[in-house]
Structure formats: structure tokens, C-alpha cells
Amino acid sequence: MPSSTSVYYQPDFDCRADAEVLNTAHQLVDLYLCFVKDSDVGGDLVDEIELPLEKATFVEAFRLLIAAELRADVRSLLIKAGMTLAQYHRGLGSRIRMRALTPQGRPSFSRLHGSGTRRRLEKTLVASAEERIRLEQVFERAHIEAIQ
């Protein structure tokens, strides 16, 4: 019978390192979720500079947690929360408020069209859609790679 010091016994140092990485990822996701709640982002489009850390750092944290999560319901919630990162854009400038308005509260079409605000909004909405697709692919790939 091999002893605990034999060649058959190999302490799993990677397991501890993996646990530390996942713990850090949990902390980063918590930081992001608290930030979103505290800053009342809602459906607004926001410049990445407002994030407390680089957007890529949060994407990677979500990716790691999604890959490690075995419960489908929790994984779905992580994906949904991670997808909100698509609302953040580099170089956007001032926040674009995305609030439903009553017909009386809507700005006139000519004011939006003439000012370039409309073009900025359209460009940002297209970029948001593209980013949502990219994030969906990143998170889906993380899940698929984890189950293989």
C-alpha cells in the first residue's frame, strides 16, 4: 500500500490556485453588481470610463464564473448580469439615458435629427447590439468548454 509520501500522492496545488481565482472572480462580479445598482444604470448607455475597473476584467470574471457554475439557473443569471456589460462603450462621453417617455415628453424629431444626437444614438445602439452578440459568444463558449 503506498504511503502518503509515495509517487502516487501528489498534492493538488492547482486546486488551491483555482479556488483563489474563482474567489477573485466572485469579488469582481460582486463589485460590478454593486456598482450597477449604486449608479442606477438601468438601460442607459454609459462610457466605460465610469466602470470601477476595466471592462475586460469584468468580462473575464463573468466568463470564469459561468464556466465553473454547475447550476443552470445560477449560470443563466450570471450570463444575464454579464450581458449588461454591453451597455458600456469606450469613448462614448456623456451617458445616453434610455428611459421610456410619454408622447408629451418626447423631443421633436427635428431636434434629434438636426443635432447629431440621433446619429450618436443609432451608432451606439448598433455597437451595443454587436457587443451583446460578442459577449453572448464569449459566455456560451465558456460554458461549452467547461462541460467538455
C-alpha atoms as a PDB file:
ATOM      1  CA  MET A   1       0.000   0.000   0.000  1.00  0.00           C
ATOM      2  CA  PRO A   2       1.549   3.338  -0.988  1.00  0.00           C
ATOM      3  CA  SER A   3       2.284   5.794   1.746  1.00  0.00           C
ATOM      4  CA  SER A   4       1.195   9.422   1.618  1.00  0.00           C
ATOM      5  CA  THR A   5       4.710  10.326   0.501  1.00  0.00           C
ATOM      6  CA  SER A   6       4.869   7.856  -2.371  1.00  0.00           C
ATOM      7  CA  VAL A   7       4.904   8.814  -6.031  1.00  0.00           C
ATOM      8  CA  TYR A   8       1.168   8.165  -6.159  1.00  0.00           C
ATOM      9  CA  TYR A   9       0.395  11.031  -3.848  1.00  0.00           C
ATOM     10  CA  GLN A  10       0.566  14.405  -5.497  1.00  0.00           C
ATOM     11  CA  PRO A  11      -0.812  17.377  -3.564  1.00  0.00           C
ATOM     12  CA  ASP A  12      -3.155  19.342  -5.773  1.00  0.00           C
ATOM     13  CA  PHE A  13      -1.678  22.830  -5.657  1.00  0.00           C
ATOM     14  CA  ASP A  14      -3.660  23.860  -8.742  1.00  0.00           C
ATOM     15  CA  CYS A  15      -6.893  23.270  -6.848  1.00  0.00           C
ATOM     16  CA  ARG A  16      -5.992  25.959  -4.306  1.00  0.00           C
ATOM     17  CA  ALA A  17      -4.915  28.346  -7.053  1.00  0.00           C
ATOM     18  CA  ASP A  18      -8.154  27.718  -8.941  1.00  0.00           C
ATOM     19  CA  ALA A  19     -10.155  28.397  -5.794  1.00  0.00           C
ATOM     20  CA  GLU A  20      -8.336  31.703  -5.338  1.00  0.00           C
ATOM     21  CA  VAL A  21      -9.004  32.674  -8.956  1.00  0.00           C
ATOM     22  CA  LEU A  22     -12.705  31.863  -8.576  1.00  0.00           C
ATOM     23  CA  ASN A  23     -12.857  33.772  -5.285  1.00  0.00           C
ATOM     24  CA  THR A  24     -11.356  36.807  -7.000  1.00  0.00           C
ATOM     25  CA  ALA A  25     -13.845  36.424  -9.862  1.00  0.00           C
ATOM     26  CA  HIS A  26     -16.707  36.330  -7.337  1.00  0.00           C
ATOM     27  CA  GLN A  27     -15.406  39.503  -5.709  1.00  0.00           C
ATOM     28  CA  LEU A  28     -15.145  41.250  -9.094  1.00  0.00           C
ATOM     29  CA  VAL A  29     -18.679  40.262 -10.099  1.00  0.00           C
ATOM     30  CA  ASP A  30     -19.963  41.459  -6.718  1.00  0.00           C
ATOM     31  CA  LEU A  31     -18.123  44.758  -7.231  1.00  0.00           C
ATOM     32  CA  TYR A  32     -19.692  45.161 -10.676  1.00  0.00           C
ATOM     33  CA  LEU A  33     -23.211  44.322  -9.496  1.00  0.00           C
ATOM     34  CA  CYS A  34     -22.960  46.765  -6.573  1.00  0.00           C
ATOM     35  CA  PHE A  35     -21.629  49.437  -8.926  1.00  0.00           C
ATOM     36  CA  VAL A  36     -24.524  48.948 -11.359  1.00  0.00           C
ATOM     37  CA  LYS A  37     -27.056  49.094  -8.551  1.00  0.00           C
ATOM     38  CA  ASP A  38     -25.495  52.150  -6.889  1.00  0.00           C
ATOM     39  CA  SER A  39     -25.082  54.095 -10.132  1.00  0.00           C
ATOM     40  CA  ASP A  40     -28.659  53.403 -11.295  1.00  0.00           C
ATOM     41  CA  VAL A  41     -27.558  52.406 -14.789  1.00  0.00           C
ATOM     42  CA  GLY A  42     -30.854  50.810 -15.808  1.00  0.00           C
ATOM     43  CA  GLY A  43     -30.880  50.590 -19.598  1.00  0.00           C
ATOM     44  CA  ASP A  44     -28.607  53.598 -20.119  1.00  0.00           C
ATOM     45  CA  LEU A  45     -25.615  53.532 -22.428  1.00  0.00           C
ATOM     46  CA  VAL A  46     -22.525  54.525 -20.478  1.00  0.00           C
ATOM     47  CA  ASP A  47     -18.880  55.291 -21.143  1.00  0.00           C
ATOM     48  CA  GLU A  48     -16.528  52.523 -19.961  1.00  0.00           C
ATOM     49  CA  ILE A  49     -14.563  55.111 -18.025  1.00  0.00           C
ATOM     50  CA  GLU A  50     -17.337  55.101 -15.396  1.00  0.00           C
ATOM     51  CA  LEU A  51     -16.648  51.453 -14.532  1.00  0.00           C
ATOM     52  CA  PRO A  52     -14.560  50.944 -11.382  1.00  0.00           C
ATOM     53  CA  LEU A  53     -12.194  48.620 -13.314  1.00  0.00           C
ATOM     54  CA  GLU A  54     -11.510  47.767 -16.951  1.00  0.00           C
ATOM     55  CA  LYS A  55     -14.492  46.254 -18.748  1.00  0.00           C
ATOM     56  CA  ALA A  56     -12.339  43.323 -19.891  1.00  0.00           C
ATOM     57  CA  THR A  57     -11.622  42.474 -16.244  1.00  0.00           C
ATOM     58  CA  PHE A  58     -15.329  42.137 -15.533  1.00  0.00           C
ATOM     59  CA  VAL A  59     -15.928  40.135 -18.728  1.00  0.00           C
ATOM     60  CA  GLU A  60     -13.203  37.690 -17.696  1.00  0.00           C
ATOM     61  CA  ALA A  61     -14.618  37.391 -14.159  1.00  0.00           C
ATOM     62  CA  PHE A  62     -18.068  36.568 -15.532  1.00  0.00           C
ATOM     63  CA  ARG A  63     -16.545  34.134 -18.028  1.00  0.00           C
ATOM     64  CA  LEU A  64     -14.722  32.244 -15.278  1.00  0.00           C
ATOM     65  CA  LEU A  65     -17.768  32.028 -13.026  1.00  0.00           C
ATOM     66  CA  ILE A  66     -20.011  30.908 -15.894  1.00  0.00           C
ATOM     67  CA  ALA A  67     -17.522  28.187 -16.815  1.00  0.00           C
ATOM     68  CA  ALA A  68     -17.288  26.987 -13.212  1.00  0.00           C
ATOM     69  CA  GLU A  69     -21.005  27.136 -12.379  1.00  0.00           C
ATOM     70  CA  LEU A  70     -22.772  23.769 -12.400  1.00  0.00           C
ATOM     71  CA  ARG A  71     -26.274  25.022 -11.600  1.00  0.00           C
ATOM     72  CA  ALA A  72     -28.087  26.043 -14.787  1.00  0.00           C
ATOM     73  CA  ASP A  73     -30.273  28.637 -13.065  1.00  0.00           C
ATOM     74  CA  VAL A  74     -27.312  30.412 -11.473  1.00  0.00           C
ATOM     75  CA  ARG A  75     -25.344  30.201 -14.714  1.00  0.00           C
ATOM     76  CA  SER A  76     -28.269  31.836 -16.551  1.00  0.00           C
ATOM     77  CA  LEU A  77     -28.342  34.660 -14.011  1.00  0.00           C
ATOM     78  CA  LEU A  78     -24.593  35.176 -14.397  1.00  0.00           C
ATOM     79  CA  ILE A  79     -24.974  35.358 -18.174  1.00  0.00           C
ATOM     80  CA  LYS A  80     -27.852  37.822 -17.877  1.00  0.00           C
ATOM     81  CA  ALA A  81     -25.875  40.033 -15.494  1.00  0.00           C
ATOM     82  CA  GLY A  82     -22.726  39.782 -17.620  1.00  0.00           C
ATOM     83  CA  MET A  83     -24.640  40.823 -20.719  1.00  0.00           C
ATOM     84  CA  THR A  84     -25.282  44.224 -19.138  1.00  0.00           C
ATOM     85  CA  LEU A  85     -21.617  44.971 -19.812  1.00  0.00           C
ATOM     86  CA  ALA A  86     -22.709  45.574 -23.430  1.00  0.00           C
ATOM     87  CA  GLN A  87     -24.123  48.908 -22.235  1.00  0.00           C
ATOM     88  CA  TYR A  88     -20.603  50.231 -21.603  1.00  0.00           C
ATOM     89  CA  HIS A  89     -18.700  51.745 -24.527  1.00  0.00           C
ATOM     90  CA  ARG A  90     -15.216  53.184 -24.777  1.00  0.00           C
ATOM     91  CA  GLY A  91     -15.167  56.864 -25.707  1.00  0.00           C
ATOM     92  CA  LEU A  92     -18.948  57.328 -25.517  1.00  0.00           C
ATOM     93  CA  GLY A  93     -18.757  60.522 -23.497  1.00  0.00           C
ATOM     94  CA  SER A  94     -21.831  61.589 -21.614  1.00  0.00           C
ATOM     95  CA  ARG A  95     -24.369  58.949 -20.646  1.00  0.00           C
ATOM     96  CA  ILE A  96     -27.236  58.300 -23.035  1.00  0.00           C
ATOM     97  CA  ARG A  97     -30.388  57.968 -20.967  1.00  0.00           C
ATOM     98  CA  MET A  98     -32.667  55.230 -22.198  1.00  0.00           C
ATOM     99  CA  ARG A  99     -35.920  55.966 -20.431  1.00  0.00           C
ATOM    100  CA  ALA A 100     -39.420  55.451 -21.751  1.00  0.00           C
ATOM    101  CA  LEU A 101     -41.177  58.758 -22.304  1.00  0.00           C
ATOM    102  CA  THR A 102     -44.773  59.677 -22.743  1.00  0.00           C
ATOM    103  CA  PRO A 103     -45.725  61.171 -26.129  1.00  0.00           C
ATOM    104  CA  GLN A 104     -45.806  64.607 -24.490  1.00  0.00           C
ATOM    105  CA  GLY A 105     -42.271  64.181 -23.139  1.00  0.00           C
ATOM    106  CA  ARG A 106     -40.620  63.192 -26.399  1.00  0.00           C
ATOM    107  CA  PRO A 107     -38.181  65.562 -28.063  1.00  0.00           C
ATOM    108  CA  SER A 108     -39.173  66.623 -31.532  1.00  0.00           C
ATOM    109  CA  PHE A 109     -37.776  64.632 -34.438  1.00  0.00           C
ATOM    110  CA  SER A 110     -36.207  67.723 -35.978  1.00  0.00           C
ATOM    111  CA  ARG A 111     -34.280  68.492 -32.786  1.00  0.00           C
ATOM    112  CA  LEU A 112     -32.854  64.945 -32.669  1.00  0.00           C
ATOM    113  CA  HIS A 113     -32.146  64.808 -36.394  1.00  0.00           C
ATOM    114  CA  GLY A 114     -30.542  68.219 -36.691  1.00  0.00           C
ATOM    115  CA  SER A 115     -28.239  67.936 -33.701  1.00  0.00           C
ATOM    116  CA  GLY A 116     -26.343  64.750 -34.444  1.00  0.00           C
ATOM    117  CA  THR A 117     -27.806  63.227 -31.285  1.00  0.00           C
ATOM    118  CA  ARG A 118     -29.776  60.826 -33.404  1.00  0.00           C
ATOM    119  CA  ARG A 119     -26.664  59.610 -35.259  1.00  0.00           C
ATOM    120  CA  ARG A 120     -24.812  59.198 -31.969  1.00  0.00           C
ATOM    121  CA  LEU A 121     -27.700  57.193 -30.540  1.00  0.00           C
ATOM    122  CA  GLU A 122     -28.028  54.983 -33.620  1.00  0.00           C
ATOM    123  CA  LYS A 123     -24.278  54.331 -33.735  1.00  0.00           C
ATOM    124  CA  THR A 124     -24.226  53.448 -30.029  1.00  0.00           C
ATOM    125  CA  LEU A 125     -27.263  51.174 -30.312  1.00  0.00           C
ATOM    126  CA  VAL A 126     -25.600  49.267 -33.161  1.00  0.00           C
ATOM    127  CA  ALA A 127     -22.389  48.982 -31.122  1.00  0.00           C
ATOM    128  CA  SER A 128     -24.421  47.719 -28.136  1.00  0.00           C
ATOM    129  CA  ALA A 129     -26.079  45.055 -30.272  1.00  0.00           C
ATOM    130  CA  GLU A 130     -22.707  43.933 -31.638  1.00  0.00           C
ATOM    131  CA  GLU A 131     -21.246  43.839 -28.126  1.00  0.00           C
ATOM    132  CA  ARG A 132     -24.189  41.777 -26.855  1.00  0.00           C
ATOM    133  CA  ILE A 133     -23.533  39.235 -29.614  1.00  0.00           C
ATOM    134  CA  ARG A 134     -19.821  39.142 -28.765  1.00  0.00           C
ATOM    135  CA  LEU A 135     -20.466  38.721 -25.028  1.00  0.00           C
ATOM    136  CA  GLU A 136     -23.058  36.030 -25.685  1.00  0.00           C
ATOM    137  CA  GLN A 137     -20.467  34.112 -27.712  1.00  0.00           C
ATOM    138  CA  VAL A 138     -17.792  34.533 -25.009  1.00  0.00           C
ATOM    139  CA  PHE A 139     -20.110  33.337 -22.244  1.00  0.00           C
ATOM    140  CA  GLU A 140     -21.555  30.480 -24.314  1.00  0.00           C
ATOM    141  CA  ARG A 141     -18.050  29.295 -25.258  1.00  0.00           C
ATOM    142  CA  ALA A 142     -17.044  29.371 -21.570  1.00  0.00           C
ATOM    143  CA  HIS A 143     -19.988  27.149 -20.696  1.00  0.00           C
ATOM    144  CA  ILE A 144     -19.384  24.714 -23.565  1.00  0.00           C
ATOM    145  CA  GLU A 145     -15.663  24.413 -22.819  1.00  0.00           C
ATOM    146  CA  ALA A 146     -16.446  23.739 -19.151  1.00  0.00           C
ATOM    147  CA  ILE A 147     -18.769  20.820 -19.890  1.00  0.00           C
ATOM    148  CA  GLN A 148     -16.422  19.106 -22.353  1.00  0.00           C
END
